[in-house]
Amino acid sequence: MADHVHVSRSTGLPEAAAHGWWMGRSGYAAKPGVRASLAVWLQAKGADGQWKQVAKGNKTVLSGGGSGKRGAGI
């Protein structure tokens, strides 16, 4: 689950930001301590109208929401 990418200025400089979280198979939070491997791709539309990958990252996080469970800085 995720929201739409938006501009964040939390560091003072404009950055692309999006928030997401994952849940267990039942639709509820997974058991405590369960982790997932996140893969995040950031794409931008070039002057030629084609989408291009500009950044990619991976991180392992706990289930559920909250700042400690984000792929921040990917």
C-alpha atoms as a PDB file:
ATOM      1  CA  MET A   1       0.000   0.000   0.000  1.00  0.00           C
ATOM      2  CA  ALA A   2       1.303   3.468  -0.768  1.00  0.00           C
ATOM      3  CA  ASP A   3       0.385   7.054  -1.390  1.00  0.00           C
ATOM      4  CA  HIS A   4       1.294   9.303  -4.301  1.00  0.00           C
ATOM      5  CA  VAL A   5       4.787  10.715  -4.684  1.00  0.00           C
ATOM      6  CA  HIS A   6       4.956  14.342  -3.557  1.00  0.00           C
ATOM      7  CA  VAL A   7       7.542  17.050  -2.897  1.00  0.00           C
ATOM      8  CA  SER A   8       8.911  17.103   0.653  1.00  0.00           C
ATOM      9  CA  ARG A   9      11.096  19.828   2.111  1.00  0.00           C
ATOM     10  CA  SER A  10      11.716  18.165   5.476  1.00  0.00           C
ATOM     11  CA  THR A  11      15.493  18.389   4.942  1.00  0.00           C
ATOM     12  CA  GLY A  12      15.300  21.961   3.627  1.00  0.00           C
ATOM     13  CA  LEU A  13      15.834  20.907   0.013  1.00  0.00           C
ATOM     14  CA  PRO A  14      12.985  19.686  -2.198  1.00  0.00           C
ATOM     15  CA  GLU A  15      12.961  15.880  -2.458  1.00  0.00           C
ATOM     16  CA  ALA A  16      10.575  13.321  -3.901  1.00  0.00           C
ATOM     17  CA  ALA A  17       8.755  11.473  -1.112  1.00  0.00           C
ATOM     18  CA  ALA A  18       6.220   8.650  -0.980  1.00  0.00           C
ATOM     19  CA  HIS A  19       4.995   6.557   1.922  1.00  0.00           C
ATOM     20  CA  GLY A  20       4.052   2.910   1.901  1.00  0.00           C
ATOM     21  CA  TRP A  21       3.512   0.014   4.267  1.00  0.00           C
ATOM     22  CA  TRP A  22       2.811  -3.663   4.082  1.00  0.00           C
ATOM     23  CA  MET A  23       0.515  -5.953   5.992  1.00  0.00           C
ATOM     24  CA  GLY A  24       0.345  -9.696   6.622  1.00  0.00           C
ATOM     25  CA  ARG A  25      -1.502 -11.988   4.217  1.00  0.00           C
ATOM     26  CA  SER A  26      -4.701 -11.717   6.278  1.00  0.00           C
ATOM     27  CA  GLY A  27      -4.787  -7.937   5.752  1.00  0.00           C
ATOM     28  CA  TYR A  28      -3.694  -7.226   9.316  1.00  0.00           C
ATOM     29  CA  ALA A  29      -0.263  -6.424  10.719  1.00  0.00           C
ATOM     30  CA  ALA A  30       2.128  -9.351  10.460  1.00  0.00           C
ATOM     31  CA  LYS A  31       3.443 -11.043  13.589  1.00  0.00           C
ATOM     32  CA  PRO A  32       5.943  -8.924  15.561  1.00  0.00           C
ATOM     33  CA  GLY A  33       9.449  -9.105  14.160  1.00  0.00           C
ATOM     34  CA  VAL A  34       8.388 -10.129  10.641  1.00  0.00           C
ATOM     35  CA  ARG A  35      10.217  -8.147   7.963  1.00  0.00           C
ATOM     36  CA  ALA A  36       9.816  -7.525   4.244  1.00  0.00           C
ATOM     37  CA  SER A  37      12.347  -6.556   1.627  1.00  0.00           C
ATOM     38  CA  LEU A  38      11.318  -3.344  -0.163  1.00  0.00           C
ATOM     39  CA  ALA A  39      12.392  -2.356  -3.651  1.00  0.00           C
ATOM     40  CA  VAL A  40      11.720   1.242  -4.680  1.00  0.00           C
ATOM     41  CA  TRP A  41      12.162   2.762  -8.124  1.00  0.00           C
ATOM     42  CA  LEU A  42      11.877   6.483  -8.897  1.00  0.00           C
ATOM     43  CA  GLN A  43      11.107   7.386 -12.491  1.00  0.00           C
ATOM     44  CA  ALA A  44      10.838  10.729 -14.271  1.00  0.00           C
ATOM     45  CA  LYS A  45       9.350  11.583 -17.628  1.00  0.00           C
ATOM     46  CA  GLY A  46      12.048  12.903 -19.948  1.00  0.00           C
ATOM     47  CA  ALA A  47      11.790  15.685 -22.522  1.00  0.00           C
ATOM     48  CA  ASP A  48      11.257  12.960 -25.143  1.00  0.00           C
ATOM     49  CA  GLY A  49       8.094  11.815 -23.303  1.00  0.00           C
ATOM     50  CA  GLN A  50       9.637   8.512 -22.201  1.00  0.00           C
ATOM     51  CA  TRP A  51       9.845   7.372 -18.565  1.00  0.00           C
ATOM     52  CA  LYS A  52      13.392   6.923 -17.269  1.00  0.00           C
ATOM     53  CA  GLN A  53      14.602   5.352 -14.019  1.00  0.00           C
ATOM     54  CA  VAL A  54      16.494   7.967 -11.980  1.00  0.00           C
ATOM     55  CA  ALA A  55      16.956   6.129  -8.662  1.00  0.00           C
ATOM     56  CA  LYS A  56      16.531   2.670  -7.163  1.00  0.00           C
ATOM     57  CA  GLY A  57      16.977   1.294  -3.669  1.00  0.00           C
ATOM     58  CA  ASN A  58      16.306  -1.677  -1.390  1.00  0.00           C
ATOM     59  CA  LYS A  59      15.662  -1.910   2.344  1.00  0.00           C
ATOM     60  CA  THR A  60      14.323  -4.510   4.802  1.00  0.00           C
ATOM     61  CA  VAL A  61      11.655  -3.176   7.200  1.00  0.00           C
ATOM     62  CA  LEU A  62       9.146  -4.371   9.808  1.00  0.00           C
ATOM     63  CA  SER A  63       5.438  -4.608   8.904  1.00  0.00           C
ATOM     64  CA  GLY A  64       2.934  -1.820   9.561  1.00  0.00           C
ATOM     65  CA  GLY A  65       3.218   1.957   9.406  1.00  0.00           C
ATOM     66  CA  GLY A  66       5.328   4.438  11.327  1.00  0.00           C
ATOM     67  CA  SER A  67       8.566   6.285  10.723  1.00  0.00           C
ATOM     68  CA  GLY A  68      10.733   3.397  11.941  1.00  0.00           C
ATOM     69  CA  LYS A  69       9.200   1.054   9.374  1.00  0.00           C
ATOM     70  CA  ARG A  70       9.778   3.088   6.217  1.00  0.00           C
ATOM     71  CA  GLY A  71      12.114   2.706   3.334  1.00  0.00           C
ATOM     72  CA  ALA A  72      13.248   6.296   3.922  1.00  0.00           C
ATOM     73  CA  GLY A  73      16.464   7.265   2.280  1.00  0.00           C
ATOM     74  CA  ILE A  74      16.270   4.588  -0.363  1.00  0.00           C
END
